[in-house]
PDB file of N, CA and C in Angstrom:
ATOM      1  N   MET A   1     188.639 141.835 117.917  1.00  0.00           N
ATOM      2  CA  MET A   1     187.839 142.432 118.937  1.00  0.00           C
ATOM      3  C   MET A   1     186.801 143.533 118.443  1.00  0.00           C
ATOM      4  N   ALA A   2     185.741 143.492 118.930  1.00  0.00           N
ATOM      5  CA  ALA A   2     184.736 144.385 118.469  1.00  0.00           C
ATOM      6  C   ALA A   2     184.993 145.740 118.977  1.00  0.00           C
ATOM      7  N   ASP A   3     184.541 146.702 118.108  1.00  0.00           N
ATOM      8  CA  ASP A   3     184.639 148.180 118.648  1.00  0.00           C
ATOM      9  C   ASP A   3     183.573 148.674 119.526  1.00  0.00           C
ATOM     10  N   GLU A   4     182.527 147.914 119.434  1.00  0.00           N
ATOM     11  CA  GLU A   4     181.184 148.250 120.042  1.00  0.00           C
ATOM     12  C   GLU A   4     180.453 146.977 120.563  1.00  0.00           C
ATOM     13  N   THR A   5     179.995 146.998 121.780  1.00  0.00           N
ATOM     14  CA  THR A   5     179.148 145.938 122.276  1.00  0.00           C
ATOM     15  C   THR A   5     177.677 146.352 122.596  1.00  0.00           C
ATOM     16  N   TYR A   6     176.862 145.814 122.172  1.00  0.00           N
ATOM     17  CA  TYR A   6     175.377 146.197 122.311  1.00  0.00           C
ATOM     18  C   TYR A   6     174.570 145.129 123.013  1.00  0.00           C
ATOM     19  N   VAL A   7     173.963 145.339 124.077  1.00  0.00           N
ATOM     20  CA  VAL A   7     172.898 144.402 124.724  1.00  0.00           C
ATOM     21  C   VAL A   7     171.723 145.226 124.753  1.00  0.00           C
ATOM     22  N   ASN A   8     170.567 144.347 124.240  1.00  0.00           N
ATOM     23  CA  ASN A   8     169.313 144.875 124.251  1.00  0.00           C
ATOM     24  C   ASN A   8     168.482 144.427 125.429  1.00  0.00           C
ATOM     25  N   ALA A   9     168.941 145.146 126.692  1.00  0.00           N
ATOM     26  CA  ALA A   9     168.323 144.688 128.048  1.00  0.00           C
ATOM     27  C   ALA A   9     166.875 144.326 128.069  1.00  0.00           C
ATOM     28  N   PRO A  10     165.949 145.268 127.353  1.00  0.00           N
ATOM     29  CA  PRO A  10     164.491 144.793 127.352  1.00  0.00           C
ATOM     30  C   PRO A  10     164.333 143.485 126.653  1.00  0.00           C
ATOM     31  N   GLY A  11     165.101 143.231 125.555  1.00  0.00           N
ATOM     32  CA  GLY A  11     165.060 142.047 124.775  1.00  0.00           C
ATOM     33  C   GLY A  11     165.470 140.821 125.447  1.00  0.00           C
ATOM     34  N   VAL A  12     166.423 140.964 126.220  1.00  0.00           N
ATOM     35  CA  VAL A  12     166.979 140.011 127.040  1.00  0.00           C
ATOM     36  C   VAL A  12     165.812 139.432 128.077  1.00  0.00           C
ATOM     37  N   LYS A  13     165.301 140.492 128.800  1.00  0.00           N
ATOM     38  CA  LYS A  13     164.293 140.305 129.615  1.00  0.00           C
ATOM     39  C   LYS A  13     162.987 139.534 129.068  1.00  0.00           C
ATOM     40  N   ALA A  14     162.733 139.834 127.802  1.00  0.00           N
ATOM     41  CA  ALA A  14     161.687 139.450 127.160  1.00  0.00           C
ATOM     42  C   ALA A  14     161.807 137.988 126.849  1.00  0.00           C
ATOM     43  N   ASP A  15     163.164 137.656 126.305  1.00  0.00           N
ATOM     44  CA  ASP A  15     163.433 136.361 125.869  1.00  0.00           C
ATOM     45  C   ASP A  15     163.450 135.300 127.205  1.00  0.00           C
ATOM     46  N   ALA A  16     163.946 136.079 128.355  1.00  0.00           N
ATOM     47  CA  ALA A  16     164.099 135.157 129.561  1.00  0.00           C
ATOM     48  C   ALA A  16     162.524 134.854 129.975  1.00  0.00           C
ATOM     49  N   GLN A  17     161.607 135.653 129.650  1.00  0.00           N
ATOM     50  CA  GLN A  17     160.226 135.373 130.088  1.00  0.00           C
ATOM     51  C   GLN A  17     159.740 134.209 129.053  1.00  0.00           C
ATOM     52  N   LYS A  18     160.061 134.277 127.830  1.00  0.00           N
ATOM     53  CA  LYS A  18     159.931 133.225 126.885  1.00  0.00           C
ATOM     54  C   LYS A  18     160.433 131.889 127.300  1.00  0.00           C
ATOM     55  N   LEU A  19     161.736 131.864 127.758  1.00  0.00           N
ATOM     56  CA  LEU A  19     162.319 130.695 128.260  1.00  0.00           C
ATOM     57  C   LEU A  19     161.645 130.174 129.533  1.00  0.00           C
ATOM     58  N   ALA A  20     161.239 131.084 130.412  1.00  0.00           N
ATOM     59  CA  ALA A  20     160.624 130.448 131.619  1.00  0.00           C
ATOM     60  C   ALA A  20     159.372 129.910 131.271  1.00  0.00           C
ATOM     61  N   GLU A  21     158.535 130.569 130.184  1.00  0.00           N
ATOM     62  CA  GLU A  21     157.336 129.760 129.894  1.00  0.00           C
ATOM     63  C   GLU A  21     157.571 128.410 129.228  1.00  0.00           C
ATOM     64  N   ALA A  22     158.630 128.417 128.353  1.00  0.00           N
ATOM     65  CA  ALA A  22     159.045 126.946 127.672  1.00  0.00           C
ATOM     66  C   ALA A  22     159.419 125.966 128.837  1.00  0.00           C
ATOM     67  N   VAL A  23     160.326 126.509 129.728  1.00  0.00           N
ATOM     68  CA  VAL A  23     160.613 125.605 130.876  1.00  0.00           C
ATOM     69  C   VAL A  23     159.529 125.067 131.675  1.00  0.00           C
ATOM     70  N   ARG A  24     158.553 125.898 131.924  1.00  0.00           N
ATOM     71  CA  ARG A  24     157.248 125.647 132.718  1.00  0.00           C
ATOM     72  C   ARG A  24     156.518 124.601 131.982  1.00  0.00           C
ATOM     73  N   ARG A  25     156.447 124.776 130.618  1.00  0.00           N
ATOM     74  CA  ARG A  25     155.722 123.625 129.778  1.00  0.00           C
ATOM     75  C   ARG A  25     156.486 122.373 129.792  1.00  0.00           C
ATOM     76  N   PHE A  26     157.741 122.558 129.836  1.00  0.00           N
ATOM     77  CA  PHE A  26     158.561 121.248 129.938  1.00  0.00           C
ATOM     78  C   PHE A  26     158.424 120.575 131.160  1.00  0.00           C
ATOM     79  N   GLN A  27     158.388 121.400 132.182  1.00  0.00           N
ATOM     80  CA  GLN A  27     158.139 120.741 133.547  1.00  0.00           C
ATOM     81  C   GLN A  27     156.735 120.051 133.673  1.00  0.00           C
ATOM     82  N   GLY A  28     155.615 120.664 133.165  1.00  0.00           N
ATOM     83  CA  GLY A  28     154.553 120.026 132.948  1.00  0.00           C
ATOM     84  C   GLY A  28     154.453 118.701 132.338  1.00  0.00           C
ATOM     85  N   SER A  29     155.173 118.801 131.266  1.00  0.00           N
ATOM     86  CA  SER A  29     155.273 117.480 130.551  1.00  0.00           C
ATOM     87  C   SER A  29     156.061 116.451 131.339  1.00  0.00           C
ATOM     88  N   LEU A  30     157.091 116.777 131.799  1.00  0.00           N
ATOM     89  CA  LEU A  30     157.747 115.923 132.824  1.00  0.00           C
ATOM     90  C   LEU A  30     156.970 115.339 134.049  1.00  0.00           C
ATOM     91  N   ASP A  31     156.254 116.174 134.585  1.00  0.00           N
ATOM     92  CA  ASP A  31     155.067 115.675 135.507  1.00  0.00           C
ATOM     93  C   ASP A  31     154.100 114.631 134.911  1.00  0.00           C
ATOM     94  N   GLU A  32     153.886 114.981 133.657  1.00  0.00           N
ATOM     95  CA  GLU A  32     152.950 113.934 133.064  1.00  0.00           C
ATOM     96  C   GLU A  32     153.786 112.525 132.859  1.00  0.00           C
ATOM     97  N   LEU A  33     154.923 112.706 132.491  1.00  0.00           N
ATOM     98  CA  LEU A  33     155.792 111.450 131.989  1.00  0.00           C
ATOM     99  C   LEU A  33     155.997 110.665 133.432  1.00  0.00           C
ATOM    100  N   LYS A  34     156.141 111.458 134.513  1.00  0.00           N
ATOM    101  CA  LYS A  34     156.434 110.839 135.781  1.00  0.00           C
ATOM    102  C   LYS A  34     155.237 110.151 136.207  1.00  0.00           C
ATOM    103  N   ALA A  35     154.031 110.805 135.933  1.00  0.00           N
ATOM    104  CA  ALA A  35     152.704 110.095 136.405  1.00  0.00           C
ATOM    105  C   ALA A  35     152.612 108.769 135.640  1.00  0.00           C
ATOM    106  N   VAL A  36     152.817 108.953 134.234  1.00  0.00           N
ATOM    107  CA  VAL A  36     152.694 107.576 133.528  1.00  0.00           C
ATOM    108  C   VAL A  36     153.605 106.535 133.978  1.00  0.00           C
ATOM    109  N   LEU A  37     154.976 106.847 134.276  1.00  0.00           N
ATOM    110  CA  LEU A  37     155.752 105.923 134.676  1.00  0.00           C
ATOM    111  C   LEU A  37     155.426 105.303 136.131  1.00  0.00           C
ATOM    112  N   GLN A  38     154.812 106.077 136.779  1.00  0.00           N
ATOM    113  CA  GLN A  38     154.440 105.604 138.202  1.00  0.00           C
ATOM    114  C   GLN A  38     153.211 104.795 137.940  1.00  0.00           C
ATOM    115  N   ALA A  39     152.458 105.150 137.056  1.00  0.00           N
ATOM    116  CA  ALA A  39     151.181 104.302 136.842  1.00  0.00           C
ATOM    117  C   ALA A  39     151.597 102.869 136.242  1.00  0.00           C
ATOM    118  N   ASP A  40     152.529 102.803 135.363  1.00  0.00           N
ATOM    119  CA  ASP A  40     152.886 101.582 134.851  1.00  0.00           C
ATOM    120  C   ASP A  40     154.080 100.885 135.690  1.00  0.00           C
ATOM    121  N   ASP A  41     154.503 101.564 136.794  1.00  0.00           N
ATOM    122  CA  ASP A  41     155.309 100.650 137.895  1.00  0.00           C
ATOM    123  C   ASP A  41     154.797  99.297 138.138  1.00  0.00           C
ATOM    124  N   LYS A  42     155.588  98.358 138.245  1.00  0.00           N
ATOM    125  CA  LYS A  42     155.343  97.133 138.512  1.00  0.00           C
ATOM    126  C   LYS A  42     154.500  96.553 137.466  1.00  0.00           C
ATOM    127  N   CYS A  43     154.396  96.901 136.258  1.00  0.00           N
ATOM    128  CA  CYS A  43     153.524  96.257 135.331  1.00  0.00           C
ATOM    129  C   CYS A  43     154.164  95.038 134.656  1.00  0.00           C
ATOM    130  N   TRP A  44     155.371  94.849 135.011  1.00  0.00           N
ATOM    131  CA  TRP A  44     155.997  93.566 134.562  1.00  0.00           C
ATOM    132  C   TRP A  44     155.876  92.460 135.561  1.00  0.00           C
ATOM    133  N   SER A  45     156.020  91.243 135.056  1.00  0.00           N
ATOM    134  CA  SER A  45     155.664  90.091 135.928  1.00  0.00           C
ATOM    135  C   SER A  45     156.631  89.923 137.335  1.00  0.00           C
ATOM    136  N   ASP A  46     156.180  88.973 138.035  1.00  0.00           N
ATOM    137  CA  ASP A  46     156.760  88.764 139.295  1.00  0.00           C
ATOM    138  C   ASP A  46     157.848  87.695 139.219  1.00  0.00           C
ATOM    139  N   ASP A  47     158.110  87.388 137.922  1.00  0.00           N
ATOM    140  CA  ASP A  47     158.911  86.129 137.858  1.00  0.00           C
ATOM    141  C   ASP A  47     160.343  86.628 137.714  1.00  0.00           C
ATOM    142  N   GLU A  48     161.144  85.675 137.535  1.00  0.00           N
ATOM    143  CA  GLU A  48     162.766  86.027 137.411  1.00  0.00           C
ATOM    144  C   GLU A  48     163.063  87.217 136.171  1.00  0.00           C
ATOM    145  N   ILE A  49     162.260  87.140 135.076  1.00  0.00           N
ATOM    146  CA  ILE A  49     162.525  87.925 134.099  1.00  0.00           C
ATOM    147  C   ILE A  49     162.184  89.398 134.349  1.00  0.00           C
ATOM    148  N   GLY A  50     160.911  89.457 135.015  1.00  0.00           N
ATOM    149  CA  GLY A  50     160.314  90.716 135.551  1.00  0.00           C
ATOM    150  C   GLY A  50     161.159  91.287 136.654  1.00  0.00           C
ATOM    151  N   ALA A  51     161.726  90.418 137.580  1.00  0.00           N
ATOM    152  CA  ALA A  51     162.704  90.968 138.494  1.00  0.00           C
ATOM    153  C   ALA A  51     163.794  91.505 137.873  1.00  0.00           C
ATOM    154  N   GLU A  52     164.459  90.981 136.923  1.00  0.00           N
ATOM    155  CA  GLU A  52     165.686  91.384 136.262  1.00  0.00           C
ATOM    156  C   GLU A  52     165.269  92.816 135.499  1.00  0.00           C
ATOM    157  N   PHE A  53     164.170  92.785 134.939  1.00  0.00           N
ATOM    158  CA  PHE A  53     163.725  93.934 134.130  1.00  0.00           C
ATOM    159  C   PHE A  53     163.638  95.091 135.073  1.00  0.00           C
ATOM    160  N   GLU A  54     162.970  94.916 136.233  1.00  0.00           N
ATOM    161  CA  GLU A  54     162.969  96.002 137.365  1.00  0.00           C
ATOM    162  C   GLU A  54     164.275  96.475 137.824  1.00  0.00           C
ATOM    163  N   LYS A  55     165.126  95.548 138.010  1.00  0.00           N
ATOM    164  CA  LYS A  55     166.410  95.887 138.551  1.00  0.00           C
ATOM    165  C   LYS A  55     167.201  96.760 137.647  1.00  0.00           C
ATOM    166  N   ASN A  56     167.063  96.667 136.351  1.00  0.00           N
ATOM    167  CA  ASN A  56     167.780  97.380 135.407  1.00  0.00           C
ATOM    168  C   ASN A  56     166.897  98.879 135.086  1.00  0.00           C
ATOM    169  N   TYR A  57     165.734  98.476 134.976  1.00  0.00           N
ATOM    170  CA  TYR A  57     164.885  99.706 134.293  1.00  0.00           C
ATOM    171  C   TYR A  57     164.588 100.557 135.130  1.00  0.00           C
ATOM    172  N   LYS A  58     164.235 100.179 136.509  1.00  0.00           N
ATOM    173  CA  LYS A  58     163.696 101.334 137.477  1.00  0.00           C
ATOM    174  C   LYS A  58     164.872 102.122 138.026  1.00  0.00           C
ATOM    175  N   PRO A  59     165.893 101.890 138.121  1.00  0.00           N
ATOM    176  CA  PRO A  59     167.013 102.812 138.704  1.00  0.00           C
ATOM    177  C   PRO A  59     167.394 103.788 137.402  1.00  0.00           C
ATOM    178  N   ALA A  60     167.506 103.268 136.011  1.00  0.00           N
ATOM    179  CA  ALA A  60     167.647 104.201 134.941  1.00  0.00           C
ATOM    180  C   ALA A  60     166.589 105.183 134.711  1.00  0.00           C
ATOM    181  N   ALA A  61     165.370 104.745 134.827  1.00  0.00           N
ATOM    182  CA  ALA A  61     164.183 105.646 134.672  1.00  0.00           C
ATOM    183  C   ALA A  61     164.247 106.746 135.719  1.00  0.00           C
ATOM    184  N   ASP A  62     164.509 106.269 136.992  1.00  0.00           N
ATOM    185  CA  ASP A  62     164.516 107.249 137.993  1.00  0.00           C
ATOM    186  C   ASP A  62     165.766 108.370 137.772  1.00  0.00           C
ATOM    187  N   LYS A  63     166.898 107.875 137.407  1.00  0.00           N
ATOM    188  CA  LYS A  63     168.004 108.657 137.048  1.00  0.00           C
ATOM    189  C   LYS A  63     167.681 109.669 136.095  1.00  0.00           C
ATOM    190  N   VAL A  64     166.987 109.229 134.830  1.00  0.00           N
ATOM    191  CA  VAL A  64     166.639 110.074 133.701  1.00  0.00           C
ATOM    192  C   VAL A  64     165.808 111.071 134.312  1.00  0.00           C
ATOM    193  N   THR A  65     164.674 110.823 134.987  1.00  0.00           N
ATOM    194  CA  THR A  65     163.661 111.772 135.350  1.00  0.00           C
ATOM    195  C   THR A  65     164.120 112.746 136.457  1.00  0.00           C
ATOM    196  N   ASP A  66     165.077 112.294 137.208  1.00  0.00           N
ATOM    197  CA  ASP A  66     165.649 113.119 138.322  1.00  0.00           C
ATOM    198  C   ASP A  66     166.588 113.980 137.462  1.00  0.00           C
ATOM    199  N   SER A  67     167.245 113.722 136.591  1.00  0.00           N
ATOM    200  CA  SER A  67     168.264 114.482 135.945  1.00  0.00           C
ATOM    201  C   SER A  67     167.415 115.638 135.089  1.00  0.00           C
ATOM    202  N   LEU A  68     166.186 115.206 134.462  1.00  0.00           N
ATOM    203  CA  LEU A  68     165.374 116.115 133.746  1.00  0.00           C
ATOM    204  C   LEU A  68     164.778 117.184 134.661  1.00  0.00           C
ATOM    205  N   GLU A  69     164.454 116.699 135.846  1.00  0.00           N
ATOM    206  CA  GLU A  69     163.903 117.665 136.990  1.00  0.00           C
ATOM    207  C   GLU A  69     164.970 118.717 137.228  1.00  0.00           C
ATOM    208  N   LYS A  70     166.057 118.218 137.488  1.00  0.00           N
ATOM    209  CA  LYS A  70     167.179 119.218 137.914  1.00  0.00           C
ATOM    210  C   LYS A  70     167.477 119.983 136.722  1.00  0.00           C
ATOM    211  N   THR A  71     167.390 119.691 135.382  1.00  0.00           N
ATOM    212  CA  THR A  71     167.674 120.490 134.289  1.00  0.00           C
ATOM    213  C   THR A  71     166.600 121.757 134.219  1.00  0.00           C
ATOM    214  N   GLY A  72     165.477 121.309 134.438  1.00  0.00           N
ATOM    215  CA  GLY A  72     164.264 122.088 134.519  1.00  0.00           C
ATOM    216  C   GLY A  72     164.306 123.167 135.522  1.00  0.00           C
ATOM    217  N   LYS A  73     164.773 122.850 136.646  1.00  0.00           N
ATOM    218  CA  LYS A  73     164.974 123.712 137.727  1.00  0.00           C
ATOM    219  C   LYS A  73     166.014 124.806 137.407  1.00  0.00           C
ATOM    220  N   ASN A  74     167.133 124.290 136.969  1.00  0.00           N
ATOM    221  CA  ASN A  74     168.232 125.014 136.584  1.00  0.00           C
ATOM    222  C   ASN A  74     167.914 126.191 135.540  1.00  0.00           C
ATOM    223  N   LEU A  75     167.189 125.614 134.475  1.00  0.00           N
ATOM    224  CA  LEU A  75     166.957 126.459 133.424  1.00  0.00           C
ATOM    225  C   LEU A  75     165.954 127.528 133.882  1.00  0.00           C
ATOM    226  N   LEU A  76     165.054 127.139 134.819  1.00  0.00           N
ATOM    227  CA  LEU A  76     164.185 128.218 135.247  1.00  0.00           C
ATOM    228  C   LEU A  76     164.801 129.257 136.056  1.00  0.00           C
ATOM    229  N   SER A  77     165.756 128.830 136.805  1.00  0.00           N
ATOM    230  CA  SER A  77     166.583 129.813 137.628  1.00  0.00           C
ATOM    231  C   SER A  77     167.279 130.863 136.605  1.00  0.00           C
ATOM    232  N   VAL A  78     167.772 130.169 135.485  1.00  0.00           N
ATOM    233  CA  VAL A  78     168.527 131.129 134.560  1.00  0.00           C
ATOM    234  C   VAL A  78     167.501 132.057 134.033  1.00  0.00           C
ATOM    235  N   ALA A  79     166.289 131.486 133.690  1.00  0.00           N
ATOM    236  CA  ALA A  79     165.358 132.318 132.860  1.00  0.00           C
ATOM    237  C   ALA A  79     164.722 133.284 133.833  1.00  0.00           C
ATOM    238  N   GLU A  80     164.582 133.083 135.043  1.00  0.00           N
ATOM    239  CA  GLU A  80     163.908 134.041 136.200  1.00  0.00           C
ATOM    240  C   GLU A  80     164.837 134.777 136.904  1.00  0.00           C
ATOM    241  N   LYS A  81     166.025 134.472 137.022  1.00  0.00           N
ATOM    242  CA  LYS A  81     167.000 135.231 137.862  1.00  0.00           C
ATOM    243  C   LYS A  81     168.182 135.485 137.120  1.00  0.00           C
ATOM    244  N   THR A  82     168.898 134.810 136.507  1.00  0.00           N
ATOM    245  CA  THR A  82     170.275 134.993 136.002  1.00  0.00           C
ATOM    246  C   THR A  82     170.097 135.964 134.920  1.00  0.00           C
ATOM    247  N   LEU A  83     169.342 135.711 133.966  1.00  0.00           N
ATOM    248  CA  LEU A  83     169.133 136.560 132.660  1.00  0.00           C
ATOM    249  C   LEU A  83     168.721 137.862 132.963  1.00  0.00           C
ATOM    250  N   PRO A  84     167.671 138.054 133.741  1.00  0.00           N
ATOM    251  CA  PRO A  84     167.033 139.288 134.126  1.00  0.00           C
ATOM    252  C   PRO A  84     168.007 140.154 134.922  1.00  0.00           C
ATOM    253  N   ASP A  85     168.689 139.509 135.945  1.00  0.00           N
ATOM    254  CA  ASP A  85     169.696 140.133 136.789  1.00  0.00           C
ATOM    255  C   ASP A  85     171.003 140.595 135.998  1.00  0.00           C
ATOM    256  N   SER A  86     171.470 139.752 135.063  1.00  0.00           N
ATOM    257  CA  SER A  86     172.508 140.278 134.214  1.00  0.00           C
ATOM    258  C   SER A  86     172.112 141.295 133.423  1.00  0.00           C
ATOM    259  N   ALA A  87     170.953 141.439 132.692  1.00  0.00           N
ATOM    260  CA  ALA A  87     170.515 142.614 131.920  1.00  0.00           C
ATOM    261  C   ALA A  87     170.457 143.774 132.553  1.00  0.00           C
ATOM    262  N   ARG A  88     169.916 143.708 133.983  1.00  0.00           N
ATOM    263  CA  ARG A  88     169.780 144.710 134.679  1.00  0.00           C
ATOM    264  C   ARG A  88     171.158 145.374 135.112  1.00  0.00           C
ATOM    265  N   LEU A  89     172.062 144.437 135.577  1.00  0.00           N
ATOM    266  CA  LEU A  89     173.354 144.957 135.900  1.00  0.00           C
ATOM    267  C   LEU A  89     174.106 145.354 134.720  1.00  0.00           C
ATOM    268  N   LEU A  90     173.968 144.992 133.607  1.00  0.00           N
ATOM    269  CA  LEU A  90     174.717 145.546 132.376  1.00  0.00           C
ATOM    270  C   LEU A  90     174.074 146.930 132.207  1.00  0.00           C
ATOM    271  N   GLN A  91     172.702 147.256 132.186  1.00  0.00           N
ATOM    272  CA  GLN A  91     172.173 148.406 132.095  1.00  0.00           C
ATOM    273  C   GLN A  91     172.535 149.498 133.076  1.00  0.00           C
ATOM    274  N   GLU A  92     172.651 149.017 134.291  1.00  0.00           N
ATOM    275  CA  GLU A  92     173.006 149.938 135.457  1.00  0.00           C
ATOM    276  C   GLU A  92     174.529 150.302 135.136  1.00  0.00           C
ATOM    277  N   GLN A  93     175.400 149.486 134.828  1.00  0.00           N
ATOM    278  CA  GLN A  93     176.861 149.695 134.536  1.00  0.00           C
ATOM    279  C   GLN A  93     176.948 150.661 133.380  1.00  0.00           C
ATOM    280  N   ASP A  94     176.162 150.412 132.289  1.00  0.00           N
ATOM    281  CA  ASP A  94     176.146 151.353 131.249  1.00  0.00           C
ATOM    282  C   ASP A  94     175.703 152.662 131.680  1.00  0.00           C
ATOM    283  N   ASP A  95     174.608 152.875 132.354  1.00  0.00           N
ATOM    284  CA  ASP A  95     174.161 154.193 132.849  1.00  0.00           C
ATOM    285  C   ASP A  95     175.004 154.749 133.566  1.00  0.00           C
ATOM    286  N   CYS A  96     175.837 154.191 134.639  1.00  0.00           N
ATOM    287  CA  CYS A  96     176.946 154.658 135.304  1.00  0.00           C
ATOM    288  C   CYS A  96     178.056 155.196 134.472  1.00  0.00           C
ATOM    289  N   ASN A  97     178.450 154.456 133.433  1.00  0.00           N
ATOM    290  CA  ASN A  97     179.665 154.735 132.592  1.00  0.00           C
ATOM    291  C   ASN A  97     179.304 156.051 131.919  1.00  0.00           C
ATOM    292  N   ALA A  98     177.953 155.990 131.473  1.00  0.00           N
ATOM    293  CA  ALA A  98     177.424 157.293 130.599  1.00  0.00           C
ATOM    294  C   ALA A  98     177.443 158.527 131.521  1.00  0.00           C
ATOM    295  N   GLU A  99     177.090 158.278 132.802  1.00  0.00           N
ATOM    296  CA  GLU A  99     177.041 159.563 133.645  1.00  0.00           C
ATOM    297  C   GLU A  99     178.528 160.118 133.770  1.00  0.00           C
ATOM    298  N   GLY A 100     179.475 159.046 133.961  1.00  0.00           N
ATOM    299  CA  GLY A 100     180.888 159.500 134.088  1.00  0.00           C
ATOM    300  C   GLY A 100     181.383 160.188 132.907  1.00  0.00           C
ATOM    301  N   ILE A 101     181.026 159.643 131.725  1.00  0.00           N
ATOM    302  CA  ILE A 101     181.447 160.375 130.465  1.00  0.00           C
ATOM    303  C   ILE A 101     180.776 161.736 130.475  1.00  0.00           C
ATOM    304  N   ARG A 102     179.449 161.917 130.895  1.00  0.00           N
ATOM    305  CA  ARG A 102     178.890 163.320 130.701  1.00  0.00           C
ATOM    306  C   ARG A 102     179.676 164.099 131.732  1.00  0.00           C
ATOM    307  N   ALA A 103     179.926 163.641 132.760  1.00  0.00           N
ATOM    308  CA  ALA A 103     180.503 164.580 133.717  1.00  0.00           C
ATOM    309  C   ALA A 103     182.020 164.933 133.442  1.00  0.00           C
ATOM    310  N   ALA A 104     182.537 164.010 132.852  1.00  0.00           N
ATOM    311  CA  ALA A 104     183.960 164.390 132.422  1.00  0.00           C
ATOM    312  C   ALA A 104     183.845 165.298 131.281  1.00  0.00           C
ATOM    313  N   ALA A 105     182.871 165.272 130.425  1.00  0.00           N
ATOM    314  CA  ALA A 105     182.714 166.203 129.262  1.00  0.00           C
ATOM    315  C   ALA A 105     182.329 167.503 129.864  1.00  0.00           C
ATOM    316  N   ALA A 106     181.530 167.569 130.757  1.00  0.00           N
ATOM    317  CA  ALA A 106     181.124 168.953 131.173  1.00  0.00           C
ATOM    318  C   ALA A 106     182.314 169.432 131.918  1.00  0.00           C
ATOM    319  N   ASP A 107     183.084 168.789 132.726  1.00  0.00           N
ATOM    320  CA  ASP A 107     184.272 169.521 133.345  1.00  0.00           C
ATOM    321  C   ASP A 107     185.264 169.979 132.292  1.00  0.00           C
ATOM    322  N   LEU A 108     185.341 169.182 131.152  1.00  0.00           N
ATOM    323  CA  LEU A 108     186.250 169.470 130.079  1.00  0.00           C
ATOM    324  C   LEU A 108     186.050 170.876 129.418  1.00  0.00           C
ATOM    325  N   TYR A 109     184.566 170.978 129.228  1.00  0.00           N
ATOM    326  CA  TYR A 109     184.136 172.156 128.533  1.00  0.00           C
ATOM    327  C   TYR A 109     183.873 173.329 129.113  1.00  0.00           C
ATOM    328  N   GLN A 110     183.760 172.999 130.562  1.00  0.00           N
ATOM    329  CA  GLN A 110     183.544 174.122 131.657  1.00  0.00           C
ATOM    330  C   GLN A 110     184.816 174.636 132.259  1.00  0.00           C
ATOM    331  N   ALA A 111     185.861 174.014 132.087  1.00  0.00           N
ATOM    332  CA  ALA A 111     187.077 174.329 132.561  1.00  0.00           C
ATOM    333  C   ALA A 111     187.859 175.624 132.004  1.00  0.00           C
ATOM    334  N   PRO A 112     188.443 176.504 132.716  1.00  0.00           N
ATOM    335  CA  PRO A 112     189.013 177.695 132.197  1.00  0.00           C
ATOM    336  C   PRO A 112     190.092 177.207 131.091  1.00  0.00           C
ATOM    337  N   PRO A 113     190.444 178.062 130.261  1.00  0.00           N
ATOM    338  CA  PRO A 113     191.422 177.719 129.434  1.00  0.00           C
ATOM    339  C   PRO A 113     192.721 177.592 130.208  1.00  0.00           C
ATOM    340  N   PRO A 114     193.472 176.888 129.483  1.00  0.00           N
ATOM    341  CA  PRO A 114     194.877 176.457 130.192  1.00  0.00           C
ATOM    342  C   PRO A 114     195.621 177.819 130.258  1.00  0.00           C
ATOM    343  N   ASP A 115     196.511 177.929 131.394  1.00  0.00           N
ATOM    344  CA  ASP A 115     197.355 179.065 131.504  1.00  0.00           C
ATOM    345  C   ASP A 115     198.461 178.998 130.412  1.00  0.00           C
ATOM    346  N   THR A 116     198.467 180.229 129.660  1.00  0.00           N
ATOM    347  CA  THR A 116     199.364 180.252 128.491  1.00  0.00           C
ATOM    348  C   THR A 116     200.579 181.051 128.899  1.00  0.00           C
ATOM    349  N   LYS A 117     200.836 181.512 130.179  1.00  0.00           N
ATOM    350  CA  LYS A 117     202.008 182.161 130.547  1.00  0.00           C
ATOM    351  C   LYS A 117     203.179 181.161 130.777  1.00  0.00           C
ATOM    352  N   SER A 118     204.422 181.569 130.208  1.00  0.00           N
ATOM    353  CA  SER A 118     205.473 180.681 130.287  1.00  0.00           C
ATOM    354  C   SER A 118     206.350 181.207 131.497  1.00  0.00           C
TER     355      SER A 118
END
């Protein structure tokens, strides 16, 4: 177990912004992929082989793009909300703990000496 834990709250927030930017680029690339897939939709023949290809290809392609879209939304939520909120809450808790320690120290050092009468 560590004796000390350190969280760089401003660093977490900065990295969360970088993650959000990366996720937005990912989402843009995914939008481009979906547009290409849509443009190529039905590019196979109408014969039996084309029908079989579509039967297997289309649901799989839709499932992959849907999963990627959900992954992007979840990652963006982590980057824009979860990480910044966690860093803020940790900082607030640390500030509260520090205030409690300062108050306890002030009470300790300002208290009258203990009664030495027996």
